[in-house]
Amino acid sequence: MTTDPDQIRAMVAALLADLPDPSADDAEHIDVERIAASLEEAHDLLVRALESVER
């Protein structure tokens, strides 16, 4: 796992880039499960990054 902050930011941004806009007109059709999965994946990436810094 990289510890480069810019690379970690880019990885998180890539994971969150496809999330829909909750304030959009068609917000009632948003796939909440997909949003949750993307957020969980970004969270896991950040946790792994922090764990690698602690070593």
C-alpha atoms as a PDB file:
ATOM      1  CA  MET A   1       0.000   0.000   0.000  1.00  0.00           C
ATOM      2  CA  THR A   2       1.308   3.390  -0.936  1.00  0.00           C
ATOM      3  CA  THR A   3       1.770   6.094   1.683  1.00  0.00           C
ATOM      4  CA  ASP A   4       1.996   8.939  -0.836  1.00  0.00           C
ATOM      5  CA  PRO A   5      -0.826  11.354   0.108  1.00  0.00           C
ATOM      6  CA  ASP A   6      -1.369  12.546  -3.467  1.00  0.00           C
ATOM      7  CA  GLN A   7      -1.669   8.996  -4.748  1.00  0.00           C
ATOM      8  CA  ILE A   8      -4.077   8.068  -1.944  1.00  0.00           C
ATOM      9  CA  ARG A   9      -6.197  11.154  -2.679  1.00  0.00           C
ATOM     10  CA  ALA A  10      -6.295  10.212  -6.353  1.00  0.00           C
ATOM     11  CA  MET A  11      -7.345   6.653  -5.519  1.00  0.00           C
ATOM     12  CA  VAL A  12     -10.143   7.855  -3.222  1.00  0.00           C
ATOM     13  CA  ALA A  13     -11.260  10.427  -5.796  1.00  0.00           C
ATOM     14  CA  ALA A  14     -11.422   7.714  -8.447  1.00  0.00           C
ATOM     15  CA  LEU A  15     -13.597   5.561  -6.197  1.00  0.00           C
ATOM     16  CA  LEU A  16     -15.971   8.423  -5.456  1.00  0.00           C
ATOM     17  CA  ALA A  17     -16.023   9.976  -8.937  1.00  0.00           C
ATOM     18  CA  ASP A  18     -18.961   7.899 -10.145  1.00  0.00           C
ATOM     19  CA  LEU A  19     -21.234   8.633  -7.214  1.00  0.00           C
ATOM     20  CA  PRO A  20     -24.492  10.272  -8.261  1.00  0.00           C
ATOM     21  CA  ASP A  21     -25.493  13.749  -7.134  1.00  0.00           C
ATOM     22  CA  PRO A  22     -28.069  13.339  -4.339  1.00  0.00           C
ATOM     23  CA  SER A  23     -29.486  16.802  -5.082  1.00  0.00           C
ATOM     24  CA  ALA A  24     -30.247  15.902  -8.696  1.00  0.00           C
ATOM     25  CA  ASP A  25     -33.812  16.001  -9.976  1.00  0.00           C
ATOM     26  CA  ASP A  26     -33.907  12.212 -10.292  1.00  0.00           C
ATOM     27  CA  ALA A  27     -32.493  11.590  -6.804  1.00  0.00           C
ATOM     28  CA  GLU A  28     -35.298   9.161  -5.964  1.00  0.00           C
ATOM     29  CA  HIS A  29     -33.747   6.706  -8.433  1.00  0.00           C
ATOM     30  CA  ILE A  30     -30.319   6.675  -6.785  1.00  0.00           C
ATOM     31  CA  ASP A  31     -28.916   3.237  -5.974  1.00  0.00           C
ATOM     32  CA  VAL A  32     -28.150   3.594  -2.274  1.00  0.00           C
ATOM     33  CA  GLU A  33     -26.481   0.181  -2.160  1.00  0.00           C
ATOM     34  CA  ARG A  34     -24.004   1.260  -4.850  1.00  0.00           C
ATOM     35  CA  ILE A  35     -23.220   4.458  -2.958  1.00  0.00           C
ATOM     36  CA  ALA A  36     -22.693   2.507   0.254  1.00  0.00           C
ATOM     37  CA  ALA A  37     -20.374   0.052  -1.494  1.00  0.00           C
ATOM     38  CA  SER A  38     -18.282   2.870  -2.976  1.00  0.00           C
ATOM     39  CA  LEU A  39     -18.035   4.656   0.367  1.00  0.00           C
ATOM     40  CA  GLU A  40     -17.073   1.428   2.104  1.00  0.00           C
ATOM     41  CA  GLU A  41     -14.370   0.753  -0.477  1.00  0.00           C
ATOM     42  CA  ALA A  42     -12.970   4.285  -0.034  1.00  0.00           C
ATOM     43  CA  HIS A  43     -13.045   3.828   3.740  1.00  0.00           C
ATOM     44  CA  ASP A  44     -11.203   0.512   3.498  1.00  0.00           C
ATOM     45  CA  LEU A  45      -8.562   2.119   1.283  1.00  0.00           C
ATOM     46  CA  LEU A  46      -8.016   4.884   3.851  1.00  0.00           C
ATOM     47  CA  VAL A  47      -7.799   2.374   6.697  1.00  0.00           C
ATOM     48  CA  ARG A  48      -5.182   0.342   4.800  1.00  0.00           C
ATOM     49  CA  ALA A  49      -3.219   3.522   4.095  1.00  0.00           C
ATOM     50  CA  LEU A  50      -3.255   4.480   7.769  1.00  0.00           C
ATOM     51  CA  GLU A  51      -2.225   0.985   8.811  1.00  0.00           C
ATOM     52  CA  SER A  52       0.722   1.070   6.410  1.00  0.00           C
ATOM     53  CA  VAL A  53       1.894   4.392   7.896  1.00  0.00           C
ATOM     54  CA  GLU A  54       1.789   2.934  11.406  1.00  0.00           C
ATOM     55  CA  ARG A  55       4.215   0.167  10.467  1.00  0.00           C
END
